[in-house]
Amino acid sequence: MLVITCPYCGPRCESEFSNGGEAHIERPKDPESLSDAEWAEFVFLRDNPKGLLLERWNHAQGCRRWFNVARDTVTYEILAVYPMGSPPPALAPKRYV
């Protein structure tokens, strides 16, 4: 089981959290002007990297607050946890072949 360190409550098991998807996705400035294809791309298409991924998480069964996590998608290692609205930490992605 994955242990996630909530920046507000401390380490907790993964079952207390909900994944909110990729972090740092900016909403379109004028969504009414988007075509159906552009809107679908914004809503559904996300990166799926092998390695470093920045994600949003919610401590659903705890403090109910949102925060960001830098996680390696290959090893599931959590590299950093940081508050919403903060820039991501400078991390060097691991290289996978």
PDB file of N, CA and C in Angstrom:
ATOM      1  N   MET A   1       0.847  -1.180   0.000  1.00  0.00           N
ATOM      2  CA  MET A   1       0.000   0.000   0.000  1.00  0.00           C
ATOM      3  C   MET A   1       0.892   1.244   0.000  1.00  0.00           C
ATOM      4  N   LEU A   2       0.483   2.236  -0.731  1.00  0.00           N
ATOM      5  CA  LEU A   2       1.196   3.492  -0.833  1.00  0.00           C
ATOM      6  C   LEU A   2       0.919   4.334   0.412  1.00  0.00           C
ATOM      7  N   VAL A   3       1.963   4.902   1.001  1.00  0.00           N
ATOM      8  CA  VAL A   3       1.806   5.820   2.129  1.00  0.00           C
ATOM      9  C   VAL A   3       2.033   7.224   1.596  1.00  0.00           C
ATOM     10  N   ILE A   4       1.038   8.080   1.781  1.00  0.00           N
ATOM     11  CA  ILE A   4       1.104   9.464   1.311  1.00  0.00           C
ATOM     12  C   ILE A   4       1.197  10.363   2.533  1.00  0.00           C
ATOM     13  N   THR A   5       2.145  11.293   2.504  1.00  0.00           N
ATOM     14  CA  THR A   5       2.286  12.232   3.613  1.00  0.00           C
ATOM     15  C   THR A   5       1.466  13.476   3.317  1.00  0.00           C
ATOM     16  N   CYS A   6       0.331  13.585   3.985  1.00  0.00           N
ATOM     17  CA  CYS A   6      -0.498  14.790   3.858  1.00  0.00           C
ATOM     18  C   CYS A   6       0.281  15.930   4.513  1.00  0.00           C
ATOM     19  N   PRO A   7       0.427  17.077   3.836  1.00  0.00           N
ATOM     20  CA  PRO A   7       1.189  18.172   4.440  1.00  0.00           C
ATOM     21  C   PRO A   7       0.505  18.757   5.678  1.00  0.00           C
ATOM     22  N   TYR A   8      -0.737  18.383   5.914  1.00  0.00           N
ATOM     23  CA  TYR A   8      -1.487  18.936   7.046  1.00  0.00           C
ATOM     24  C   TYR A   8      -1.694  17.908   8.164  1.00  0.00           C
ATOM     25  N   CYS A   9      -1.743  16.606   7.819  1.00  0.00           N
ATOM     26  CA  CYS A   9      -2.053  15.552   8.802  1.00  0.00           C
ATOM     27  C   CYS A   9      -0.919  14.565   9.022  1.00  0.00           C
ATOM     28  N   GLY A  10       0.078  14.546   8.141  1.00  0.00           N
ATOM     29  CA  GLY A  10       1.162  13.581   8.254  1.00  0.00           C
ATOM     30  C   GLY A  10       0.915  12.336   7.421  1.00  0.00           C
ATOM     31  N   PRO A  11       1.741  11.302   7.603  1.00  0.00           N
ATOM     32  CA  PRO A  11       1.645  10.086   6.796  1.00  0.00           C
ATOM     33  C   PRO A  11       0.342   9.330   7.041  1.00  0.00           C
ATOM     34  N   ARG A  12      -0.295   8.922   5.941  1.00  0.00           N
ATOM     35  CA  ARG A  12      -1.542   8.150   6.004  1.00  0.00           C
ATOM     36  C   ARG A  12      -1.536   7.147   4.847  1.00  0.00           C
ATOM     37  N   CYS A  13      -2.343   6.110   4.959  1.00  0.00           N
ATOM     38  CA  CYS A  13      -2.395   5.118   3.882  1.00  0.00           C
ATOM     39  C   CYS A  13      -3.210   5.667   2.701  1.00  0.00           C
ATOM     40  N   GLU A  14      -2.895   5.154   1.546  1.00  0.00           N
ATOM     41  CA  GLU A  14      -3.466   5.608   0.278  1.00  0.00           C
ATOM     42  C   GLU A  14      -4.993   5.585   0.262  1.00  0.00           C
ATOM     43  N   SER A  15      -5.597   4.682   1.006  1.00  0.00           N
ATOM     44  CA  SER A  15      -7.054   4.538   0.977  1.00  0.00           C
ATOM     45  C   SER A  15      -7.791   5.756   1.532  1.00  0.00           C
ATOM     46  N   GLU A  16      -7.089   6.646   2.236  1.00  0.00           N
ATOM     47  CA  GLU A  16      -7.715   7.870   2.758  1.00  0.00           C
ATOM     48  C   GLU A  16      -7.788   8.987   1.725  1.00  0.00           C
ATOM     49  N   PHE A  17      -7.155   8.801   0.568  1.00  0.00           N
ATOM     50  CA  PHE A  17      -6.993   9.871  -0.403  1.00  0.00           C
ATOM     51  C   PHE A  17      -7.739   9.607  -1.696  1.00  0.00           C
ATOM     52  N   SER A  18      -8.019  10.673  -2.425  1.00  0.00           N
ATOM     53  CA  SER A  18      -8.569  10.593  -3.781  1.00  0.00           C
ATOM     54  C   SER A  18      -7.610  11.312  -4.715  1.00  0.00           C
ATOM     55  N   ASN A  19      -7.305  10.662  -5.832  1.00  0.00           N
ATOM     56  CA  ASN A  19      -6.425  11.270  -6.824  1.00  0.00           C
ATOM     57  C   ASN A  19      -7.243  12.217  -7.689  1.00  0.00           C
ATOM     58  N   GLY A  20      -6.740  13.431  -7.872  1.00  0.00           N
ATOM     59  CA  GLY A  20      -7.441  14.428  -8.671  1.00  0.00           C
ATOM     60  C   GLY A  20      -6.844  14.634 -10.044  1.00  0.00           C
ATOM     61  N   GLY A  21      -5.939  13.757 -10.449  1.00  0.00           N
ATOM     62  CA  GLY A  21      -5.362  13.870 -11.788  1.00  0.00           C
ATOM     63  C   GLY A  21      -4.128  14.746 -11.836  1.00  0.00           C
ATOM     64  N   GLU A  22      -3.728  15.043 -13.041  1.00  0.00           N
ATOM     65  CA  GLU A  22      -2.507  15.806 -13.288  1.00  0.00           C
ATOM     66  C   GLU A  22      -2.609  17.220 -12.707  1.00  0.00           C
ATOM     67  N   ALA A  23      -1.546  17.667 -12.082  1.00  0.00           N
ATOM     68  CA  ALA A  23      -1.502  19.004 -11.480  1.00  0.00           C
ATOM     69  C   ALA A  23      -1.051  20.048 -12.503  1.00  0.00           C
ATOM     70  N   HIS A  24      -1.304  21.281 -12.175  1.00  0.00           N
ATOM     71  CA  HIS A  24      -0.841  22.448 -12.936  1.00  0.00           C
ATOM     72  C   HIS A  24      -1.435  22.531 -14.344  1.00  0.00           C
ATOM     73  N   ILE A  25      -2.681  22.087 -14.485  1.00  0.00           N
ATOM     74  CA  ILE A  25      -3.400  22.224 -15.756  1.00  0.00           C
ATOM     75  C   ILE A  25      -4.203  23.518 -15.673  1.00  0.00           C
ATOM     76  N   GLU A  26      -3.911  24.444 -16.558  1.00  0.00           N
ATOM     77  CA  GLU A  26      -4.601  25.736 -16.532  1.00  0.00           C
ATOM     78  C   GLU A  26      -5.915  25.658 -17.310  1.00  0.00           C
ATOM     79  N   ARG A  27      -6.963  26.115 -16.670  1.00  0.00           N
ATOM     80  CA  ARG A  27      -8.281  26.159 -17.324  1.00  0.00           C
ATOM     81  C   ARG A  27      -8.254  27.145 -18.478  1.00  0.00           C
ATOM     82  N   PRO A  28      -8.978  26.869 -19.566  1.00  0.00           N
ATOM     83  CA  PRO A  28      -9.037  27.821 -20.674  1.00  0.00           C
ATOM     84  C   PRO A  28      -9.607  29.168 -20.201  1.00  0.00           C
ATOM     85  N   LYS A  29      -9.040  30.250 -20.715  1.00  0.00           N
ATOM     86  CA  LYS A  29      -9.484  31.602 -20.336  1.00  0.00           C
ATOM     87  C   LYS A  29     -10.913  31.874 -20.801  1.00  0.00           C
ATOM     88  N   ASP A  30     -11.243  31.382 -21.991  1.00  0.00           N
ATOM     89  CA  ASP A  30     -12.570  31.626 -22.562  1.00  0.00           C
ATOM     90  C   ASP A  30     -13.156  30.294 -23.037  1.00  0.00           C
ATOM     91  N   PRO A  31     -13.694  29.476 -22.124  1.00  0.00           N
ATOM     92  CA  PRO A  31     -14.149  28.137 -22.507  1.00  0.00           C
ATOM     93  C   PRO A  31     -15.273  28.137 -23.528  1.00  0.00           C
ATOM     94  N   GLU A  32     -16.076  29.206 -23.566  1.00  0.00           N
ATOM     95  CA  GLU A  32     -17.184  29.258 -24.526  1.00  0.00           C
ATOM     96  C   GLU A  32     -16.688  29.315 -25.970  1.00  0.00           C
ATOM     97  N   SER A  33     -15.462  29.787 -26.165  1.00  0.00           N
ATOM     98  CA  SER A  33     -14.937  29.913 -27.526  1.00  0.00           C
ATOM     99  C   SER A  33     -14.299  28.618 -28.039  1.00  0.00           C
ATOM    100  N   LEU A  34     -14.172  27.600 -27.183  1.00  0.00           N
ATOM    101  CA  LEU A  34     -13.545  26.355 -27.605  1.00  0.00           C
ATOM    102  C   LEU A  34     -14.497  25.512 -28.448  1.00  0.00           C
ATOM    103  N   SER A  35     -13.929  24.840 -29.416  1.00  0.00           N
ATOM    104  CA  SER A  35     -14.717  23.871 -30.190  1.00  0.00           C
ATOM    105  C   SER A  35     -14.929  22.630 -29.325  1.00  0.00           C
ATOM    106  N   ASP A  36     -15.807  21.749 -29.754  1.00  0.00           N
ATOM    107  CA  ASP A  36     -16.030  20.504 -29.018  1.00  0.00           C
ATOM    108  C   ASP A  36     -14.742  19.691 -28.915  1.00  0.00           C
ATOM    109  N   ALA A  37     -13.970  19.662 -29.989  1.00  0.00           N
ATOM    110  CA  ALA A  37     -12.722  18.907 -29.992  1.00  0.00           C
ATOM    111  C   ALA A  37     -11.707  19.525 -29.026  1.00  0.00           C
ATOM    112  N   GLU A  38     -11.617  20.863 -29.005  1.00  0.00           N
ATOM    113  CA  GLU A  38     -10.691  21.529 -28.079  1.00  0.00           C
ATOM    114  C   GLU A  38     -11.112  21.320 -26.626  1.00  0.00           C
ATOM    115  N   TRP A  39     -12.426  21.388 -26.373  1.00  0.00           N
ATOM    116  CA  TRP A  39     -12.924  21.168 -25.014  1.00  0.00           C
ATOM    117  C   TRP A  39     -12.659  19.726 -24.577  1.00  0.00           C
ATOM    118  N   ALA A  40     -12.897  18.758 -25.459  1.00  0.00           N
ATOM    119  CA  ALA A  40     -12.631  17.354 -25.155  1.00  0.00           C
ATOM    120  C   ALA A  40     -11.143  17.145 -24.860  1.00  0.00           C
ATOM    121  N   GLU A  41     -10.277  17.804 -25.622  1.00  0.00           N
ATOM    122  CA  GLU A  41      -8.834  17.690 -25.390  1.00  0.00           C
ATOM    123  C   GLU A  41      -8.476  18.221 -23.999  1.00  0.00           C
ATOM    124  N   PHE A  42      -9.045  19.367 -23.605  1.00  0.00           N
ATOM    125  CA  PHE A  42      -8.775  19.926 -22.279  1.00  0.00           C
ATOM    126  C   PHE A  42      -9.275  18.998 -21.173  1.00  0.00           C
ATOM    127  N   VAL A  43     -10.464  18.458 -21.324  1.00  0.00           N
ATOM    128  CA  VAL A  43     -11.077  17.649 -20.269  1.00  0.00           C
ATOM    129  C   VAL A  43     -10.439  16.264 -20.158  1.00  0.00           C
ATOM    130  N   PHE A  44     -10.149  15.611 -21.284  1.00  0.00           N
ATOM    131  CA  PHE A  44      -9.787  14.203 -21.252  1.00  0.00           C
ATOM    132  C   PHE A  44      -8.331  13.864 -21.521  1.00  0.00           C
ATOM    133  N   LEU A  45      -7.611  14.664 -22.294  1.00  0.00           N
ATOM    134  CA  LEU A  45      -6.257  14.276 -22.686  1.00  0.00           C
ATOM    135  C   LEU A  45      -5.227  14.800 -21.687  1.00  0.00           C
ATOM    136  N   ARG A  46      -4.477  13.884 -21.116  1.00  0.00           N
ATOM    137  CA  ARG A  46      -3.446  14.210 -20.144  1.00  0.00           C
ATOM    138  C   ARG A  46      -2.175  13.455 -20.503  1.00  0.00           C
ATOM    139  N   ASP A  47      -1.066  13.953 -19.957  1.00  0.00           N
ATOM    140  CA  ASP A  47       0.202  13.253 -20.138  1.00  0.00           C
ATOM    141  C   ASP A  47       0.145  11.929 -19.387  1.00  0.00           C
ATOM    142  N   ASN A  48       0.877  10.963 -19.866  1.00  0.00           N
ATOM    143  CA  ASN A  48       0.988   9.669 -19.191  1.00  0.00           C
ATOM    144  C   ASN A  48       2.457   9.264 -19.239  1.00  0.00           C
ATOM    145  N   PRO A  49       3.301  10.032 -18.518  1.00  0.00           N
ATOM    146  CA  PRO A  49       4.741   9.798 -18.635  1.00  0.00           C
ATOM    147  C   PRO A  49       5.200   8.544 -17.896  1.00  0.00           C
ATOM    148  N   LYS A  50       6.279   8.033 -18.354  1.00  0.00           N
ATOM    149  CA  LYS A  50       6.965   6.958 -17.645  1.00  0.00           C
ATOM    150  C   LYS A  50       8.020   7.659 -16.806  1.00  0.00           C
ATOM    151  N   GLY A  51       7.724   7.868 -15.544  1.00  0.00           N
ATOM    152  CA  GLY A  51       8.650   8.602 -14.670  1.00  0.00           C
ATOM    153  C   GLY A  51       7.914   9.650 -13.864  1.00  0.00           C
ATOM    154  N   LEU A  52       8.475  10.832 -13.789  1.00  0.00           N
ATOM    155  CA  LEU A  52       7.957  11.913 -12.948  1.00  0.00           C
ATOM    156  C   LEU A  52       6.599  12.431 -13.425  1.00  0.00           C
ATOM    157  N   LEU A  53       5.629  12.462 -12.497  1.00  0.00           N
ATOM    158  CA  LEU A  53       4.308  13.007 -12.777  1.00  0.00           C
ATOM    159  C   LEU A  53       3.891  13.873 -11.596  1.00  0.00           C
ATOM    160  N   LEU A  54       3.390  15.064 -11.882  1.00  0.00           N
ATOM    161  CA  LEU A  54       2.872  15.963 -10.854  1.00  0.00           C
ATOM    162  C   LEU A  54       1.365  15.787 -10.800  1.00  0.00           C
ATOM    163  N   GLU A  55       0.847  15.441  -9.596  1.00  0.00           N
ATOM    164  CA  GLU A  55      -0.565  15.113  -9.443  1.00  0.00           C
ATOM    165  C   GLU A  55      -1.199  15.942  -8.334  1.00  0.00           C
ATOM    166  N   ARG A  56      -2.537  16.054  -8.397  1.00  0.00           N
ATOM    167  CA  ARG A  56      -3.319  16.660  -7.314  1.00  0.00           C
ATOM    168  C   ARG A  56      -3.923  15.517  -6.501  1.00  0.00           C
ATOM    169  N   TRP A  57      -3.899  15.662  -5.183  1.00  0.00           N
ATOM    170  CA  TRP A  57      -4.496  14.670  -4.295  1.00  0.00           C
ATOM    171  C   TRP A  57      -5.362  15.383  -3.271  1.00  0.00           C
ATOM    172  N   ASN A  58      -6.415  14.696  -2.832  1.00  0.00           N
ATOM    173  CA  ASN A  58      -7.319  15.210  -1.810  1.00  0.00           C
ATOM    174  C   ASN A  58      -7.338  14.223  -0.645  1.00  0.00           C
ATOM    175  N   HIS A  59      -7.162  14.740   0.577  1.00  0.00           N
ATOM    176  CA  HIS A  59      -7.228  13.882   1.767  1.00  0.00           C
ATOM    177  C   HIS A  59      -8.699  13.729   2.141  1.00  0.00           C
ATOM    178  N   ALA A  60      -9.389  12.900   1.379  1.00  0.00           N
ATOM    179  CA  ALA A  60     -10.848  12.770   1.438  1.00  0.00           C
ATOM    180  C   ALA A  60     -11.351  12.262   2.784  1.00  0.00           C
ATOM    181  N   GLN A  61     -10.605  11.380   3.441  1.00  0.00           N
ATOM    182  CA  GLN A  61     -11.045  10.831   4.718  1.00  0.00           C
ATOM    183  C   GLN A  61     -10.221  11.396   5.869  1.00  0.00           C
ATOM    184  N   GLY A  62      -9.761  12.601   5.690  1.00  0.00           N
ATOM    185  CA  GLY A  62      -8.972  13.274   6.718  1.00  0.00           C
ATOM    186  C   GLY A  62      -9.348  14.736   6.762  1.00  0.00           C
ATOM    187  N   CYS A  63      -8.397  15.602   6.492  1.00  0.00           N
ATOM    188  CA  CYS A  63      -8.620  17.047   6.569  1.00  0.00           C
ATOM    189  C   CYS A  63      -9.399  17.592   5.375  1.00  0.00           C
ATOM    190  N   ARG A  64      -9.578  16.772   4.328  1.00  0.00           N
ATOM    191  CA  ARG A  64     -10.321  17.128   3.111  1.00  0.00           C
ATOM    192  C   ARG A  64      -9.645  18.247   2.309  1.00  0.00           C
ATOM    193  N   ARG A  65      -8.383  18.475   2.524  1.00  0.00           N
ATOM    194  CA  ARG A  65      -7.663  19.522   1.799  1.00  0.00           C
ATOM    195  C   ARG A  65      -6.937  18.935   0.597  1.00  0.00           C
ATOM    196  N   TRP A  66      -6.741  19.790  -0.409  1.00  0.00           N
ATOM    197  CA  TRP A  66      -6.026  19.416  -1.622  1.00  0.00           C
ATOM    198  C   TRP A  66      -4.566  19.790  -1.491  1.00  0.00           C
ATOM    199  N   PHE A  67      -3.691  19.020  -2.156  1.00  0.00           N
ATOM    200  CA  PHE A  67      -2.262  19.309  -2.222  1.00  0.00           C
ATOM    201  C   PHE A  67      -1.699  18.618  -3.457  1.00  0.00           C
ATOM    202  N   ASN A  68      -0.464  18.919  -3.781  1.00  0.00           N
ATOM    203  CA  ASN A  68       0.191  18.344  -4.954  1.00  0.00           C
ATOM    204  C   ASN A  68       1.231  17.316  -4.532  1.00  0.00           C
ATOM    205  N   VAL A  69       1.431  16.335  -5.392  1.00  0.00           N
ATOM    206  CA  VAL A  69       2.403  15.270  -5.150  1.00  0.00           C
ATOM    207  C   VAL A  69       3.236  15.083  -6.418  1.00  0.00           C
ATOM    208  N   ALA A  70       4.551  14.987  -6.256  1.00  0.00           N
ATOM    209  CA  ALA A  70       5.440  14.605  -7.354  1.00  0.00           C
ATOM    210  C   ALA A  70       5.736  13.120  -7.144  1.00  0.00           C
ATOM    211  N   ARG A  71       5.326  12.290  -8.127  1.00  0.00           N
ATOM    212  CA  ARG A  71       5.410  10.840  -7.969  1.00  0.00           C
ATOM    213  C   ARG A  71       6.035  10.208  -9.198  1.00  0.00           C
ATOM    214  N   ASP A  72       6.833   9.173  -8.971  1.00  0.00           N
ATOM    215  CA  ASP A  72       7.411   8.398 -10.056  1.00  0.00           C
ATOM    216  C   ASP A  72       6.404   7.327 -10.446  1.00  0.00           C
ATOM    217  N   THR A  73       5.948   7.328 -11.690  1.00  0.00           N
ATOM    218  CA  THR A  73       4.903   6.397 -12.127  1.00  0.00           C
ATOM    219  C   THR A  73       5.412   4.968 -12.316  1.00  0.00           C
ATOM    220  N   VAL A  74       6.706   4.784 -12.335  1.00  0.00           N
ATOM    221  CA  VAL A  74       7.265   3.439 -12.493  1.00  0.00           C
ATOM    222  C   VAL A  74       7.405   2.763 -11.128  1.00  0.00           C
ATOM    223  N   THR A  75       7.980   3.479 -10.171  1.00  0.00           N
ATOM    224  CA  THR A  75       8.254   2.903  -8.853  1.00  0.00           C
ATOM    225  C   THR A  75       7.193   3.272  -7.811  1.00  0.00           C
ATOM    226  N   TYR A  76       6.310   4.198  -8.138  1.00  0.00           N
ATOM    227  CA  TYR A  76       5.300   4.746  -7.223  1.00  0.00           C
ATOM    228  C   TYR A  76       5.922   5.545  -6.075  1.00  0.00           C
ATOM    229  N   GLU A  77       7.219   5.788  -6.133  1.00  0.00           N
ATOM    230  CA  GLU A  77       7.889   6.568  -5.092  1.00  0.00           C
ATOM    231  C   GLU A  77       7.381   8.009  -5.113  1.00  0.00           C
ATOM    232  N   ILE A  78       7.030   8.514  -3.945  1.00  0.00           N
ATOM    233  CA  ILE A  78       6.622   9.910  -3.826  1.00  0.00           C
ATOM    234  C   ILE A  78       7.875  10.729  -3.570  1.00  0.00           C
ATOM    235  N   LEU A  79       8.163  11.631  -4.495  1.00  0.00           N
ATOM    236  CA  LEU A  79       9.395  12.406  -4.443  1.00  0.00           C
ATOM    237  C   LEU A  79       9.231  13.713  -3.689  1.00  0.00           C
ATOM    238  N   ALA A  80       8.024  14.270  -3.682  1.00  0.00           N
ATOM    239  CA  ALA A  80       7.771  15.531  -2.979  1.00  0.00           C
ATOM    240  C   ALA A  80       6.274  15.717  -2.795  1.00  0.00           C
ATOM    241  N   VAL A  81       5.917  16.427  -1.746  1.00  0.00           N
ATOM    242  CA  VAL A  81       4.540  16.840  -1.474  1.00  0.00           C
ATOM    243  C   VAL A  81       4.599  18.337  -1.240  1.00  0.00           C
ATOM    244  N   TYR A  82       3.695  19.092  -1.888  1.00  0.00           N
ATOM    245  CA  TYR A  82       3.733  20.545  -1.746  1.00  0.00           C
ATOM    246  C   TYR A  82       2.330  21.121  -1.863  1.00  0.00           C
ATOM    247  N   PRO A  83       2.083  22.287  -1.238  1.00  0.00           N
ATOM    248  CA  PRO A  83       0.734  22.865  -1.202  1.00  0.00           C
ATOM    249  C   PRO A  83       0.235  23.307  -2.568  1.00  0.00           C
ATOM    250  N   MET A  84      -1.085  23.319  -2.698  1.00  0.00           N
ATOM    251  CA  MET A  84      -1.715  23.857  -3.909  1.00  0.00           C
ATOM    252  C   MET A  84      -1.286  25.311  -4.068  1.00  0.00           C
ATOM    253  N   GLY A  85      -1.097  25.741  -5.295  1.00  0.00           N
ATOM    254  CA  GLY A  85      -0.708  27.116  -5.575  1.00  0.00           C
ATOM    255  C   GLY A  85       0.792  27.350  -5.530  1.00  0.00           C
ATOM    256  N   SER A  86       1.542  26.391  -5.015  1.00  0.00           N
ATOM    257  CA  SER A  86       3.000  26.504  -4.979  1.00  0.00           C
ATOM    258  C   SER A  86       3.585  25.937  -6.258  1.00  0.00           C
ATOM    259  N   PRO A  87       4.729  26.467  -6.681  1.00  0.00           N
ATOM    260  CA  PRO A  87       5.368  25.887  -7.867  1.00  0.00           C
ATOM    261  C   PRO A  87       5.927  24.513  -7.526  1.00  0.00           C
ATOM    262  N   PRO A  88       6.044  23.655  -8.519  1.00  0.00           N
ATOM    263  CA  PRO A  88       6.605  22.324  -8.253  1.00  0.00           C
ATOM    264  C   PRO A  88       8.081  22.421  -7.880  1.00  0.00           C
ATOM    265  N   PRO A  89       8.556  21.517  -7.058  1.00  0.00           N
ATOM    266  CA  PRO A  89       9.982  21.520  -6.707  1.00  0.00           C
ATOM    267  C   PRO A  89      10.828  21.137  -7.912  1.00  0.00           C
ATOM    268  N   ALA A  90      12.050  21.577  -7.907  1.00  0.00           N
ATOM    269  CA  ALA A  90      12.974  21.230  -8.981  1.00  0.00           C
ATOM    270  C   ALA A  90      13.459  19.797  -8.751  1.00  0.00           C
ATOM    271  N   LEU A  91      12.971  18.884  -9.579  1.00  0.00           N
ATOM    272  CA  LEU A  91      13.342  17.474  -9.466  1.00  0.00           C
ATOM    273  C   LEU A  91      13.849  17.000 -10.810  1.00  0.00           C
ATOM    274  N   ALA A  92      14.894  16.225 -10.759  1.00  0.00           N
ATOM    275  CA  ALA A  92      15.424  15.645 -11.988  1.00  0.00           C
ATOM    276  C   ALA A  92      14.709  14.324 -12.251  1.00  0.00           C
ATOM    277  N   PRO A  93      13.985  14.225 -13.370  1.00  0.00           N
ATOM    278  CA  PRO A  93      13.293  12.971 -13.663  1.00  0.00           C
ATOM    279  C   PRO A  93      14.299  11.836 -13.904  1.00  0.00           C
ATOM    280  N   LYS A  94      13.961  10.639 -13.432  1.00  0.00           N
ATOM    281  CA  LYS A  94      14.808   9.467 -13.691  1.00  0.00           C
ATOM    282  C   LYS A  94      14.603   9.044 -15.125  1.00  0.00           C
ATOM    283  N   ARG A  95      15.640   8.486 -15.697  1.00  0.00           N
ATOM    284  CA  ARG A  95      15.551   8.004 -17.077  1.00  0.00           C
ATOM    285  C   ARG A  95      15.218   6.524 -17.089  1.00  0.00           C
ATOM    286  N   TYR A  96      14.185   6.168 -17.833  1.00  0.00           N
ATOM    287  CA  TYR A  96      13.806   4.767 -17.998  1.00  0.00           C
ATOM    288  C   TYR A  96      13.882   4.416 -19.468  1.00  0.00           C
ATOM    289  N   VAL A  97      14.326   3.222 -19.748  1.00  0.00           N
ATOM    290  CA  VAL A  97      14.452   2.770 -21.130  1.00  0.00           C
ATOM    291  C   VAL A  97      13.255   1.941 -21.508  1.00  0.00           C
TER     292      VAL A  97
END
